Amino acid sequence: MKFANLKKMVAALFASAVAALCICPSASAAPLYTFTNAPDSMTGSYTFEQKFVVGSQSIVVNSLGFYDYLGNGLAESHLMGLFDSAGNLIISTTIGAGTGSSLEYGFRWKSIANTTLAAGSTFSLITQSNLDAHNMVPGFVLNPKVLSVEGGYGSGATFNPNLINTSKDNIIWTGNLNIVDAQVPEPASLALMGFGLAALAMRRKKRKGA
């Protein structure tokens, strides 16, 4: 291949990479569930669990949320954590009192490190509450990336899913999590890789011709 033609090929690859970077959509995100009925609530000192099964593809969680009944801020801070089916803690965070955390879908959210949950596996989201209300209304829409969900609660601050009995008929909503698309190679990444290889080939060609 002539050097001039190689330069043209590299330029075309670079233009494709730039175009791909401009048109690639951002990763979609949605909570584990959203409410379909007007929420109702009560308070009390409990530890709550939402147990769920991931669908046919792994998911990535990037934030945890605690229910803010009236949307006017939390009365206290709340410890939250993700556990695997054996009861081992994967990641945890504390959502602070007040209105400092962002409010969306009726929950106050706190970012966590991107956490991948394997397809077909069961996980538990544990939340603690004392002063803030929890939702007693069962109407909800489950994220399509999750197969099923059930819930339960225990008195006091246990923070241990092995001490809580869950049931599909006993879902009390306090905690939520945000699911984003798993990272996959984008057209822009592939184009830039091709650009890099072509540039390397051009450099070698130029050296040989020197």
N, C-alpha and C. Protein backbone atom coordinates (compact mmCIF):
# COMPACT_ATOMS: atom_id res chain seq x y z
N MET A 1 0.85 -1.20 0.00
CA MET A 1 0.00 0.00 0.00
C MET A 1 0.87 1.24 0.00
N LYS A 2 0.57 2.18 -0.89
CA LYS A 2 1.34 3.40 -0.96
C LYS A 2 1.14 4.23 0.31
N PHE A 3 2.19 5.01 0.64
CA PHE A 3 2.14 5.82 1.85
C PHE A 3 1.00 6.83 1.81
N ALA A 4 0.76 7.43 0.64
CA ALA A 4 -0.32 8.42 0.52
C ALA A 4 -1.68 7.79 0.77
N ASN A 5 -1.86 6.57 0.24
CA ASN A 5 -3.13 5.87 0.46
C ASN A 5 -3.31 5.51 1.93
N LEU A 6 -2.22 5.13 2.57
CA LEU A 6 -2.28 4.79 4.00
C LEU A 6 -2.67 6.00 4.83
N LYS A 7 -2.15 7.14 4.45
CA LYS A 7 -2.50 8.37 5.17
C LYS A 7 -3.99 8.67 5.02
N LYS A 8 -4.53 8.46 3.81
CA LYS A 8 -5.95 8.69 3.58
C LYS A 8 -6.80 7.75 4.44
N MET A 9 -6.36 6.48 4.56
CA MET A 9 -7.10 5.50 5.35
C MET A 9 -7.11 5.89 6.83
N VAL A 10 -5.97 6.35 7.32
CA VAL A 10 -5.89 6.78 8.72
C VAL A 10 -6.80 7.97 8.96
N ALA A 11 -6.82 8.93 8.03
CA ALA A 11 -7.69 10.10 8.18
C ALA A 11 -9.15 9.71 8.20
N ALA A 12 -9.52 8.73 7.35
CA ALA A 12 -10.92 8.28 7.31
C ALA A 12 -11.30 7.59 8.61
N LEU A 13 -10.40 6.77 9.15
CA LEU A 13 -10.67 6.09 10.42
C LEU A 13 -10.82 7.10 11.54
N PHE A 14 -9.99 8.10 11.55
CA PHE A 14 -10.08 9.12 12.61
C PHE A 14 -11.41 9.87 12.53
N ALA A 15 -11.85 10.20 11.31
CA ALA A 15 -13.13 10.89 11.15
C ALA A 15 -14.28 10.02 11.62
N SER A 16 -14.20 8.72 11.35
CA SER A 16 -15.25 7.79 11.80
C SER A 16 -15.30 7.71 13.31
N ALA A 17 -14.11 7.72 13.92
CA ALA A 17 -14.05 7.65 15.38
C ALA A 17 -14.69 8.88 16.02
N VAL A 18 -14.37 10.05 15.47
CA VAL A 18 -14.94 11.30 16.01
C VAL A 18 -16.45 11.30 15.85
N ALA A 19 -16.95 10.86 14.70
CA ALA A 19 -18.39 10.82 14.48
C ALA A 19 -19.06 9.86 15.45
N ALA A 20 -18.43 8.72 15.67
CA ALA A 20 -19.01 7.74 16.59
C ALA A 20 -19.07 8.28 18.00
N LEU A 21 -18.02 9.02 18.39
CA LEU A 21 -18.03 9.61 19.73
C LEU A 21 -19.16 10.60 19.89
N CYS A 22 -19.55 11.26 18.83
CA CYS A 22 -20.59 12.28 18.91
C CYS A 22 -21.99 11.67 18.97
N ILE A 23 -22.17 10.49 18.36
CA ILE A 23 -23.53 9.96 18.26
C ILE A 23 -23.81 8.82 19.22
N CYS A 24 -22.79 8.32 19.94
CA CYS A 24 -23.02 7.20 20.85
C CYS A 24 -23.95 7.64 21.97
N PRO A 25 -25.03 6.89 22.26
CA PRO A 25 -25.94 7.27 23.33
C PRO A 25 -25.33 7.00 24.69
N SER A 26 -25.76 7.76 25.68
CA SER A 26 -25.29 7.53 27.03
C SER A 26 -26.00 6.31 27.62
N ALA A 27 -25.36 5.71 28.63
CA ALA A 27 -25.94 4.51 29.25
C ALA A 27 -27.27 4.85 29.91
N SER A 28 -28.25 3.97 29.74
CA SER A 28 -29.55 4.19 30.36
C SER A 28 -29.50 3.78 31.82
N ALA A 29 -30.39 4.34 32.62
CA ALA A 29 -30.42 4.05 34.04
C ALA A 29 -31.87 4.04 34.52
N ALA A 30 -32.17 3.15 35.45
CA ALA A 30 -33.52 3.07 36.01
C ALA A 30 -33.43 2.37 37.36
N PRO A 31 -34.34 2.70 38.28
CA PRO A 31 -34.32 2.06 39.60
C PRO A 31 -34.78 0.61 39.56
N LEU A 32 -34.57 -0.09 40.66
CA LEU A 32 -35.03 -1.47 40.79
C LEU A 32 -36.54 -1.55 40.63
N TYR A 33 -37.26 -0.56 41.13
CA TYR A 33 -38.73 -0.52 41.02
C TYR A 33 -39.21 0.92 41.12
N THR A 34 -40.42 1.15 40.63
CA THR A 34 -41.11 2.43 40.80
C THR A 34 -42.52 2.14 41.29
N PHE A 35 -43.13 3.11 41.98
CA PHE A 35 -44.47 2.94 42.52
C PHE A 35 -45.53 3.23 41.46
N THR A 36 -46.64 2.48 41.54
CA THR A 36 -47.78 2.74 40.65
C THR A 36 -48.98 3.27 41.41
N ASN A 37 -48.99 3.13 42.74
CA ASN A 37 -50.08 3.64 43.57
C ASN A 37 -49.58 4.77 44.46
N ALA A 38 -50.49 5.59 44.93
CA ALA A 38 -50.13 6.63 45.89
C ALA A 38 -49.60 5.97 47.16
N PRO A 39 -48.42 6.35 47.62
CA PRO A 39 -47.82 5.69 48.77
C PRO A 39 -48.54 5.97 50.08
N ASP A 40 -48.46 5.00 50.98
CA ASP A 40 -48.93 5.13 52.35
C ASP A 40 -47.73 4.84 53.23
N SER A 41 -47.80 5.14 54.50
CA SER A 41 -46.59 4.98 55.29
C SER A 41 -46.88 4.76 56.76
N MET A 42 -45.83 4.28 57.45
CA MET A 42 -45.80 4.20 58.90
C MET A 42 -44.33 4.23 59.32
N THR A 43 -44.08 4.45 60.59
CA THR A 43 -42.71 4.54 61.09
C THR A 43 -42.47 3.46 62.13
N GLY A 44 -41.21 3.29 62.49
CA GLY A 44 -40.85 2.31 63.51
C GLY A 44 -39.39 1.92 63.34
N SER A 45 -38.82 1.32 64.38
CA SER A 45 -37.42 0.91 64.36
C SER A 45 -37.31 -0.49 63.77
N TYR A 46 -36.90 -0.57 62.50
CA TYR A 46 -36.84 -1.84 61.79
C TYR A 46 -35.62 -1.88 60.87
N THR A 47 -35.28 -3.12 60.49
CA THR A 47 -34.37 -3.36 59.38
C THR A 47 -35.18 -4.00 58.26
N PHE A 48 -35.10 -3.45 57.05
CA PHE A 48 -35.90 -3.93 55.93
C PHE A 48 -35.02 -4.60 54.88
N GLU A 49 -35.62 -5.54 54.18
CA GLU A 49 -34.89 -6.25 53.12
C GLU A 49 -35.72 -6.32 51.84
N GLN A 50 -35.09 -5.98 50.72
CA GLN A 50 -35.64 -6.25 49.40
C GLN A 50 -34.73 -7.29 48.74
N LYS A 51 -35.26 -8.50 48.56
CA LYS A 51 -34.49 -9.57 47.93
C LYS A 51 -34.91 -9.68 46.47
N PHE A 52 -33.94 -9.75 45.56
CA PHE A 52 -34.28 -9.78 44.14
C PHE A 52 -33.35 -10.72 43.37
N VAL A 53 -33.83 -11.17 42.21
CA VAL A 53 -33.08 -12.08 41.35
C VAL A 53 -32.76 -11.36 40.04
N VAL A 54 -31.49 -11.31 39.68
CA VAL A 54 -31.07 -10.66 38.44
C VAL A 54 -31.48 -11.53 37.25
N GLY A 55 -31.84 -10.88 36.13
CA GLY A 55 -32.29 -11.59 34.94
C GLY A 55 -31.17 -12.28 34.19
N SER A 56 -31.34 -12.43 32.88
CA SER A 56 -30.42 -13.22 32.06
C SER A 56 -29.10 -12.52 31.77
N GLN A 57 -29.02 -11.23 32.08
CA GLN A 57 -27.78 -10.48 31.87
C GLN A 57 -27.37 -9.79 33.16
N SER A 58 -26.07 -9.74 33.40
CA SER A 58 -25.56 -9.06 34.59
C SER A 58 -25.96 -7.58 34.56
N ILE A 59 -26.08 -6.99 35.73
CA ILE A 59 -26.44 -5.58 35.83
C ILE A 59 -25.35 -4.85 36.62
N VAL A 60 -25.34 -3.53 36.46
CA VAL A 60 -24.41 -2.70 37.21
C VAL A 60 -25.21 -1.71 38.05
N VAL A 61 -24.91 -1.64 39.33
CA VAL A 61 -25.57 -0.72 40.26
C VAL A 61 -24.61 0.41 40.59
N ASN A 62 -25.08 1.67 40.48
CA ASN A 62 -24.19 2.80 40.74
C ASN A 62 -24.66 3.71 41.86
N SER A 63 -25.83 3.44 42.46
CA SER A 63 -26.28 4.24 43.60
C SER A 63 -27.38 3.51 44.36
N LEU A 64 -27.51 3.85 45.63
CA LEU A 64 -28.57 3.30 46.49
C LEU A 64 -29.48 4.43 46.93
N GLY A 65 -30.76 4.11 47.17
CA GLY A 65 -31.72 5.13 47.54
C GLY A 65 -32.56 4.75 48.74
N PHE A 66 -32.94 5.75 49.53
CA PHE A 66 -33.83 5.52 50.68
C PHE A 66 -35.10 6.34 50.48
N TYR A 67 -36.23 5.76 50.81
CA TYR A 67 -37.55 6.35 50.58
C TYR A 67 -37.77 7.61 51.42
N ASP A 68 -38.15 8.69 50.73
CA ASP A 68 -38.48 9.96 51.39
C ASP A 68 -39.97 10.20 51.17
N TYR A 69 -40.79 9.86 52.16
CA TYR A 69 -42.25 9.81 52.03
C TYR A 69 -42.85 11.10 51.50
N LEU A 70 -42.52 12.22 52.09
CA LEU A 70 -43.10 13.50 51.69
C LEU A 70 -42.19 14.30 50.77
N GLY A 71 -40.99 13.80 50.53
CA GLY A 71 -40.06 14.49 49.66
C GLY A 71 -39.46 15.74 50.27
N ASN A 72 -39.57 15.88 51.58
CA ASN A 72 -39.08 17.09 52.25
C ASN A 72 -37.83 16.85 53.09
N GLY A 73 -37.15 15.74 52.83
CA GLY A 73 -35.91 15.44 53.55
C GLY A 73 -36.07 14.32 54.56
N LEU A 74 -34.96 13.66 54.86
CA LEU A 74 -34.95 12.55 55.81
C LEU A 74 -34.69 13.07 57.22
N ALA A 75 -35.36 12.45 58.18
CA ALA A 75 -35.22 12.88 59.57
C ALA A 75 -33.92 12.38 60.20
N GLU A 76 -33.31 11.36 59.61
CA GLU A 76 -32.10 10.76 60.15
C GLU A 76 -31.29 10.15 59.01
N SER A 77 -30.05 9.78 59.29
CA SER A 77 -29.24 9.09 58.30
C SER A 77 -29.59 7.61 58.30
N HIS A 78 -29.31 6.93 57.17
CA HIS A 78 -29.69 5.53 57.02
C HIS A 78 -28.55 4.71 56.43
N LEU A 79 -28.17 3.66 57.15
CA LEU A 79 -27.19 2.71 56.66
C LEU A 79 -27.86 1.76 55.68
N MET A 80 -27.24 1.54 54.52
CA MET A 80 -27.78 0.65 53.49
C MET A 80 -26.67 -0.24 52.99
N GLY A 81 -27.03 -1.44 52.54
CA GLY A 81 -26.01 -2.35 52.02
C GLY A 81 -26.57 -3.38 51.06
N LEU A 82 -25.72 -3.81 50.12
CA LEU A 82 -26.04 -4.90 49.20
C LEU A 82 -25.34 -6.17 49.68
N PHE A 83 -26.09 -7.27 49.73
CA PHE A 83 -25.56 -8.54 50.19
C PHE A 83 -25.78 -9.61 49.13
N ASP A 84 -24.88 -10.61 49.08
CA ASP A 84 -25.11 -11.73 48.19
C ASP A 84 -26.01 -12.76 48.86
N SER A 85 -26.30 -13.86 48.16
CA SER A 85 -27.26 -14.84 48.68
C SER A 85 -26.76 -15.56 49.93
N ALA A 86 -25.46 -15.52 50.17
CA ALA A 86 -24.90 -16.16 51.37
C ALA A 86 -24.87 -15.21 52.56
N GLY A 87 -25.32 -13.97 52.36
CA GLY A 87 -25.34 -13.01 53.46
C GLY A 87 -24.06 -12.21 53.60
N ASN A 88 -23.19 -12.27 52.58
CA ASN A 88 -21.94 -11.50 52.62
C ASN A 88 -22.17 -10.08 52.08
N LEU A 89 -21.67 -9.10 52.81
CA LEU A 89 -21.82 -7.71 52.38
C LEU A 89 -20.95 -7.44 51.16
N ILE A 90 -21.56 -6.87 50.10
CA ILE A 90 -20.84 -6.52 48.87
C ILE A 90 -20.39 -5.07 48.92
N ILE A 91 -21.33 -4.18 49.24
CA ILE A 91 -21.01 -2.75 49.32
C ILE A 91 -22.06 -2.07 50.18
N SER A 92 -21.68 -1.01 50.87
CA SER A 92 -22.62 -0.28 51.73
C SER A 92 -22.36 1.21 51.65
N THR A 93 -23.34 1.98 52.09
CA THR A 93 -23.21 3.43 52.17
C THR A 93 -24.20 3.95 53.18
N THR A 94 -24.05 5.21 53.56
CA THR A 94 -24.98 5.86 54.47
C THR A 94 -25.56 7.09 53.77
N ILE A 95 -26.88 7.15 53.73
CA ILE A 95 -27.57 8.31 53.15
C ILE A 95 -27.87 9.29 54.28
N GLY A 96 -27.39 10.51 54.16
CA GLY A 96 -27.47 11.46 55.24
C GLY A 96 -28.86 12.04 55.45
N ALA A 97 -29.08 12.57 56.63
CA ALA A 97 -30.34 13.23 56.96
C ALA A 97 -30.48 14.52 56.15
N GLY A 98 -31.73 14.99 56.05
CA GLY A 98 -31.98 16.25 55.38
C GLY A 98 -32.23 16.08 53.89
N THR A 99 -31.93 17.15 53.15
CA THR A 99 -32.22 17.17 51.71
C THR A 99 -30.96 17.23 50.86
N GLY A 100 -29.82 16.88 51.45
CA GLY A 100 -28.56 16.97 50.72
C GLY A 100 -28.45 15.97 49.58
N SER A 101 -29.07 14.80 49.71
CA SER A 101 -29.02 13.79 48.66
C SER A 101 -30.08 14.08 47.61
N SER A 102 -29.79 13.75 46.35
CA SER A 102 -30.73 14.03 45.27
C SER A 102 -32.01 13.23 45.45
N LEU A 103 -33.15 13.81 45.03
CA LEU A 103 -34.46 13.18 45.16
C LEU A 103 -34.98 12.82 43.77
N GLU A 104 -35.30 11.53 43.58
CA GLU A 104 -35.87 11.06 42.32
C GLU A 104 -36.65 9.78 42.57
N TYR A 105 -37.81 9.68 41.93
CA TYR A 105 -38.70 8.52 42.10
C TYR A 105 -39.16 8.36 43.54
N GLY A 106 -39.09 9.41 44.34
CA GLY A 106 -39.51 9.34 45.74
C GLY A 106 -38.42 8.86 46.68
N PHE A 107 -37.16 8.78 46.21
CA PHE A 107 -36.05 8.27 47.02
C PHE A 107 -34.92 9.29 47.05
N ARG A 108 -34.18 9.29 48.16
CA ARG A 108 -32.94 10.05 48.28
C ARG A 108 -31.78 9.13 47.90
N TRP A 109 -30.92 9.60 46.97
CA TRP A 109 -29.91 8.73 46.38
C TRP A 109 -28.49 9.09 46.81
N LYS A 110 -27.66 8.03 46.93
CA LYS A 110 -26.23 8.21 47.25
C LYS A 110 -25.43 7.32 46.29
N SER A 111 -24.47 7.93 45.60
CA SER A 111 -23.66 7.19 44.64
C SER A 111 -22.75 6.19 45.36
N ILE A 112 -22.50 5.06 44.69
CA ILE A 112 -21.55 4.06 45.16
C ILE A 112 -20.64 3.71 43.97
N ALA A 113 -19.56 3.00 44.24
CA ALA A 113 -18.72 2.51 43.16
C ALA A 113 -19.53 1.55 42.29
N ASN A 114 -19.34 1.61 40.97
CA ASN A 114 -20.06 0.70 40.08
C ASN A 114 -19.88 -0.74 40.55
N THR A 115 -20.99 -1.41 40.78
CA THR A 115 -20.98 -2.77 41.34
C THR A 115 -21.74 -3.70 40.41
N THR A 116 -21.07 -4.71 39.88
CA THR A 116 -21.68 -5.65 38.95
C THR A 116 -22.33 -6.80 39.72
N LEU A 117 -23.58 -7.09 39.41
CA LEU A 117 -24.32 -8.19 40.01
C LEU A 117 -24.57 -9.24 38.93
N ALA A 118 -24.16 -10.47 39.18
CA ALA A 118 -24.14 -11.51 38.16
C ALA A 118 -25.54 -11.95 37.76
N ALA A 119 -25.68 -12.28 36.49
CA ALA A 119 -26.95 -12.78 35.95
C ALA A 119 -27.40 -14.03 36.67
N GLY A 120 -28.71 -14.12 36.93
CA GLY A 120 -29.28 -15.29 37.55
C GLY A 120 -29.04 -15.43 39.04
N SER A 121 -28.36 -14.47 39.65
CA SER A 121 -28.01 -14.55 41.08
C SER A 121 -29.00 -13.77 41.93
N THR A 122 -29.05 -14.13 43.20
CA THR A 122 -29.95 -13.49 44.16
C THR A 122 -29.17 -12.55 45.08
N PHE A 123 -29.73 -11.38 45.31
CA PHE A 123 -29.08 -10.38 46.15
C PHE A 123 -30.12 -9.76 47.08
N SER A 124 -29.63 -9.15 48.14
CA SER A 124 -30.51 -8.48 49.10
C SER A 124 -30.04 -7.05 49.34
N LEU A 125 -31.01 -6.14 49.36
CA LEU A 125 -30.75 -4.74 49.71
C LEU A 125 -31.30 -4.52 51.12
N ILE A 126 -30.43 -4.19 52.05
CA ILE A 126 -30.81 -4.03 53.45
C ILE A 126 -30.78 -2.55 53.82
N THR A 127 -31.83 -2.09 54.50
CA THR A 127 -31.90 -0.70 54.95
C THR A 127 -32.36 -0.66 56.41
N GLN A 128 -31.89 0.34 57.13
CA GLN A 128 -32.30 0.54 58.51
C GLN A 128 -33.09 1.83 58.64
N SER A 129 -34.11 1.80 59.49
CA SER A 129 -34.92 3.00 59.69
C SER A 129 -35.46 3.04 61.11
N ASN A 130 -35.62 4.26 61.60
CA ASN A 130 -36.20 4.45 62.92
C ASN A 130 -37.25 5.56 62.89
N LEU A 131 -36.86 6.75 62.46
CA LEU A 131 -37.76 7.90 62.48
C LEU A 131 -38.49 8.12 61.15
N ASP A 132 -37.86 7.71 60.03
CA ASP A 132 -38.45 7.97 58.72
C ASP A 132 -39.48 6.91 58.35
N ALA A 133 -40.46 7.33 57.56
CA ALA A 133 -41.57 6.44 57.18
C ALA A 133 -41.13 5.45 56.11
N HIS A 134 -41.81 4.29 56.11
CA HIS A 134 -41.63 3.32 55.03
C HIS A 134 -42.97 3.12 54.32
N ASN A 135 -42.90 2.77 53.05
CA ASN A 135 -44.11 2.68 52.23
C ASN A 135 -44.78 1.32 52.39
N MET A 136 -46.08 1.32 52.64
CA MET A 136 -46.84 0.07 52.85
C MET A 136 -47.67 -0.33 51.63
N VAL A 137 -47.66 0.47 50.56
CA VAL A 137 -48.50 0.20 49.39
C VAL A 137 -47.78 -0.77 48.45
N PRO A 138 -48.44 -1.87 48.02
CA PRO A 138 -47.76 -2.89 47.22
C PRO A 138 -47.64 -2.58 45.73
N GLY A 139 -48.33 -1.55 45.21
CA GLY A 139 -48.32 -1.30 43.78
C GLY A 139 -46.97 -0.82 43.28
N PHE A 140 -46.37 -1.57 42.35
CA PHE A 140 -45.05 -1.20 41.85
C PHE A 140 -44.81 -1.81 40.48
N VAL A 141 -43.83 -1.26 39.76
CA VAL A 141 -43.35 -1.81 38.49
C VAL A 141 -41.89 -2.18 38.68
N LEU A 142 -41.57 -3.43 38.39
CA LEU A 142 -40.22 -3.94 38.58
C LEU A 142 -39.37 -3.69 37.33
N ASN A 143 -38.12 -3.34 37.53
CA ASN A 143 -37.19 -3.16 36.42
C ASN A 143 -37.12 -4.44 35.59
N PRO A 144 -37.25 -4.38 34.26
CA PRO A 144 -37.26 -5.58 33.43
C PRO A 144 -35.95 -6.37 33.46
N LYS A 145 -34.88 -5.78 33.98
CA LYS A 145 -33.61 -6.50 34.09
C LYS A 145 -33.55 -7.40 35.33
N VAL A 146 -34.63 -7.34 36.12
CA VAL A 146 -34.72 -8.15 37.34
C VAL A 146 -35.92 -9.08 37.23
N LEU A 147 -35.75 -10.34 37.64
CA LEU A 147 -36.81 -11.34 37.47
C LEU A 147 -37.89 -11.26 38.53
N SER A 148 -37.51 -11.08 39.80
CA SER A 148 -38.49 -11.11 40.87
C SER A 148 -37.96 -10.35 42.08
N VAL A 149 -38.88 -10.00 42.97
CA VAL A 149 -38.49 -9.30 44.19
C VAL A 149 -39.43 -9.73 45.32
N GLU A 150 -38.90 -9.81 46.51
CA GLU A 150 -39.70 -10.06 47.70
C GLU A 150 -39.09 -9.29 48.86
N GLY A 151 -39.81 -9.19 49.95
CA GLY A 151 -39.34 -8.35 51.04
C GLY A 151 -39.64 -8.91 52.41
N GLY A 152 -39.09 -8.25 53.40
CA GLY A 152 -39.33 -8.62 54.78
C GLY A 152 -38.72 -7.58 55.71
N TYR A 153 -38.91 -7.78 57.01
CA TYR A 153 -38.36 -6.83 57.98
C TYR A 153 -38.12 -7.53 59.30
N GLY A 154 -37.25 -6.94 60.10
CA GLY A 154 -36.99 -7.42 61.44
C GLY A 154 -36.91 -6.25 62.39
N SER A 155 -37.22 -6.47 63.65
CA SER A 155 -37.20 -5.39 64.64
C SER A 155 -35.77 -4.98 64.96
N GLY A 156 -35.57 -3.68 65.12
CA GLY A 156 -34.26 -3.17 65.49
C GLY A 156 -33.29 -3.11 64.33
N ALA A 157 -32.05 -2.78 64.63
CA ALA A 157 -31.01 -2.59 63.62
C ALA A 157 -30.15 -3.85 63.53
N THR A 158 -30.60 -4.82 62.72
CA THR A 158 -29.86 -6.08 62.60
C THR A 158 -28.79 -6.01 61.51
N PHE A 159 -29.10 -5.38 60.37
CA PHE A 159 -28.22 -5.29 59.21
C PHE A 159 -27.65 -6.66 58.84
N ASN A 160 -28.51 -7.66 58.86
CA ASN A 160 -28.11 -9.03 58.54
C ASN A 160 -29.26 -9.72 57.82
N PRO A 161 -29.13 -10.01 56.51
CA PRO A 161 -30.25 -10.62 55.78
C PRO A 161 -30.61 -12.02 56.27
N ASN A 162 -29.68 -12.69 56.94
CA ASN A 162 -29.96 -14.04 57.43
C ASN A 162 -30.94 -14.05 58.60
N LEU A 163 -31.18 -12.88 59.19
CA LEU A 163 -32.09 -12.78 60.33
C LEU A 163 -33.47 -12.28 59.93
N ILE A 164 -33.70 -12.10 58.62
CA ILE A 164 -34.96 -11.56 58.13
C ILE A 164 -35.65 -12.59 57.25
N ASN A 165 -36.92 -12.84 57.52
CA ASN A 165 -37.72 -13.73 56.67
C ASN A 165 -38.42 -12.90 55.61
N THR A 166 -38.26 -13.29 54.35
CA THR A 166 -38.85 -12.53 53.26
C THR A 166 -39.99 -13.30 52.60
N SER A 167 -40.86 -12.57 51.94
CA SER A 167 -42.00 -13.16 51.24
C SER A 167 -42.43 -12.24 50.11
N LYS A 168 -42.96 -12.80 49.03
CA LYS A 168 -43.47 -11.98 47.93
C LYS A 168 -44.73 -11.22 48.34
N ASP A 169 -45.36 -11.64 49.44
CA ASP A 169 -46.57 -10.98 49.92
C ASP A 169 -46.28 -9.98 51.03
N ASN A 170 -45.00 -9.75 51.32
CA ASN A 170 -44.65 -8.93 52.47
C ASN A 170 -43.58 -7.91 52.09
N ILE A 171 -43.85 -7.16 51.01
CA ILE A 171 -42.88 -6.19 50.54
C ILE A 171 -43.18 -4.82 51.16
N ILE A 172 -42.24 -4.33 51.93
CA ILE A 172 -42.34 -2.99 52.52
C ILE A 172 -41.20 -2.17 51.95
N TRP A 173 -41.54 -1.08 51.28
CA TRP A 173 -40.58 -0.35 50.49
C TRP A 173 -39.84 0.72 51.29
N THR A 174 -38.53 0.56 51.41
CA THR A 174 -37.69 1.60 52.01
C THR A 174 -36.45 1.86 51.16
N GLY A 175 -35.85 0.80 50.66
CA GLY A 175 -34.61 0.93 49.90
C GLY A 175 -34.83 0.72 48.42
N ASN A 176 -33.93 1.28 47.62
CA ASN A 176 -33.98 1.11 46.17
C ASN A 176 -32.55 1.17 45.65
N LEU A 177 -32.34 0.76 44.43
CA LEU A 177 -31.02 0.85 43.81
C LEU A 177 -31.16 1.24 42.35
N ASN A 178 -30.14 1.89 41.84
CA ASN A 178 -30.17 2.38 40.46
C ASN A 178 -29.35 1.45 39.57
N ILE A 179 -29.98 0.97 38.49
CA ILE A 179 -29.35 0.01 37.59
C ILE A 179 -28.97 0.74 36.30
N VAL A 180 -27.70 0.60 35.91
CA VAL A 180 -27.23 1.17 34.65
C VAL A 180 -26.79 0.05 33.73
N ASP A 181 -26.64 0.35 32.44
CA ASP A 181 -26.20 -0.65 31.48
C ASP A 181 -24.79 -1.11 31.81
N ALA A 182 -24.55 -2.42 31.64
CA ALA A 182 -23.19 -2.94 31.78
C ALA A 182 -22.32 -2.35 30.69
N GLN A 183 -21.04 -2.14 30.99
CA GLN A 183 -20.13 -1.54 30.03
C GLN A 183 -19.81 -2.53 28.91
N VAL A 184 -20.04 -2.13 27.66
CA VAL A 184 -19.72 -2.94 26.49
C VAL A 184 -18.94 -2.06 25.51
N PRO A 185 -18.13 -2.69 24.63
CA PRO A 185 -17.38 -1.88 23.65
C PRO A 185 -18.31 -1.07 22.77
N GLU A 186 -18.03 0.22 22.64
CA GLU A 186 -18.84 1.10 21.82
C GLU A 186 -18.19 1.25 20.44
N PRO A 187 -18.98 1.62 19.42
CA PRO A 187 -18.39 1.84 18.10
C PRO A 187 -17.24 2.82 18.13
N ALA A 188 -17.35 3.84 18.96
CA ALA A 188 -16.27 4.83 19.04
C ALA A 188 -14.98 4.19 19.53
N SER A 189 -15.07 3.32 20.51
CA SER A 189 -13.89 2.66 21.04
C SER A 189 -13.23 1.78 19.99
N LEU A 190 -14.07 1.04 19.23
CA LEU A 190 -13.55 0.18 18.19
C LEU A 190 -12.90 1.00 17.09
N ALA A 191 -13.50 2.12 16.72
CA ALA A 191 -12.95 2.96 15.68
C ALA A 191 -11.61 3.56 16.10
N LEU A 192 -11.53 4.00 17.35
CA LEU A 192 -10.28 4.57 17.84
C LEU A 192 -9.17 3.53 17.90
N MET A 193 -9.54 2.28 18.23
CA MET A 193 -8.55 1.22 18.23
C MET A 193 -8.02 0.99 16.82
N GLY A 194 -8.93 1.01 15.83
CA GLY A 194 -8.51 0.86 14.44
C GLY A 194 -7.61 2.01 14.00
N PHE A 195 -7.94 3.21 14.45
CA PHE A 195 -7.11 4.37 14.14
C PHE A 195 -5.70 4.19 14.69
N GLY A 196 -5.62 3.69 15.92
CA GLY A 196 -4.31 3.47 16.53
C GLY A 196 -3.49 2.46 15.78
N LEU A 197 -4.11 1.35 15.35
CA LEU A 197 -3.40 0.32 14.60
C LEU A 197 -2.92 0.85 13.25
N ALA A 198 -3.79 1.63 12.59
CA ALA A 198 -3.42 2.19 11.29
C ALA A 198 -2.27 3.18 11.43
N ALA A 199 -2.29 3.98 12.48
CA ALA A 199 -1.22 4.94 12.71
C ALA A 199 0.10 4.22 12.96
N LEU A 200 0.04 3.11 13.70
CA LEU A 200 1.25 2.32 13.96
C LEU A 200 1.80 1.75 12.66
N ALA A 201 0.90 1.24 11.81
CA ALA A 201 1.33 0.70 10.52
C ALA A 201 1.97 1.78 9.66
N MET A 202 1.40 2.98 9.67
CA MET A 202 1.93 4.09 8.89
C MET A 202 3.32 4.47 9.38
N ARG A 203 3.51 4.44 10.69
CA ARG A 203 4.81 4.78 11.25
C ARG A 203 5.87 3.79 10.84
N ARG A 204 5.53 2.51 10.86
CA ARG A 204 6.46 1.48 10.43
C ARG A 204 6.80 1.60 8.95
N LYS A 205 5.77 1.90 8.14
CA LYS A 205 5.96 2.06 6.71
C LYS A 205 6.92 3.22 6.42
N LYS A 206 6.76 4.30 7.18
CA LYS A 206 7.60 5.47 6.98
C LYS A 206 9.04 5.18 7.34
N ARG A 207 9.25 4.39 8.42
CA ARG A 207 10.59 4.03 8.84
C ARG A 207 11.31 3.18 7.78
N LYS A 208 10.56 2.24 7.20
CA LYS A 208 11.14 1.37 6.18
C LYS A 208 11.53 2.15 4.93
N GLY A 209 10.74 3.19 4.64
CA GLY A 209 11.01 3.98 3.44
C GLY A 209 12.13 4.98 3.62
N ALA A 210 12.52 5.18 4.91
CA ALA A 210 13.57 6.18 5.17
C ALA A 210 14.96 5.67 4.73
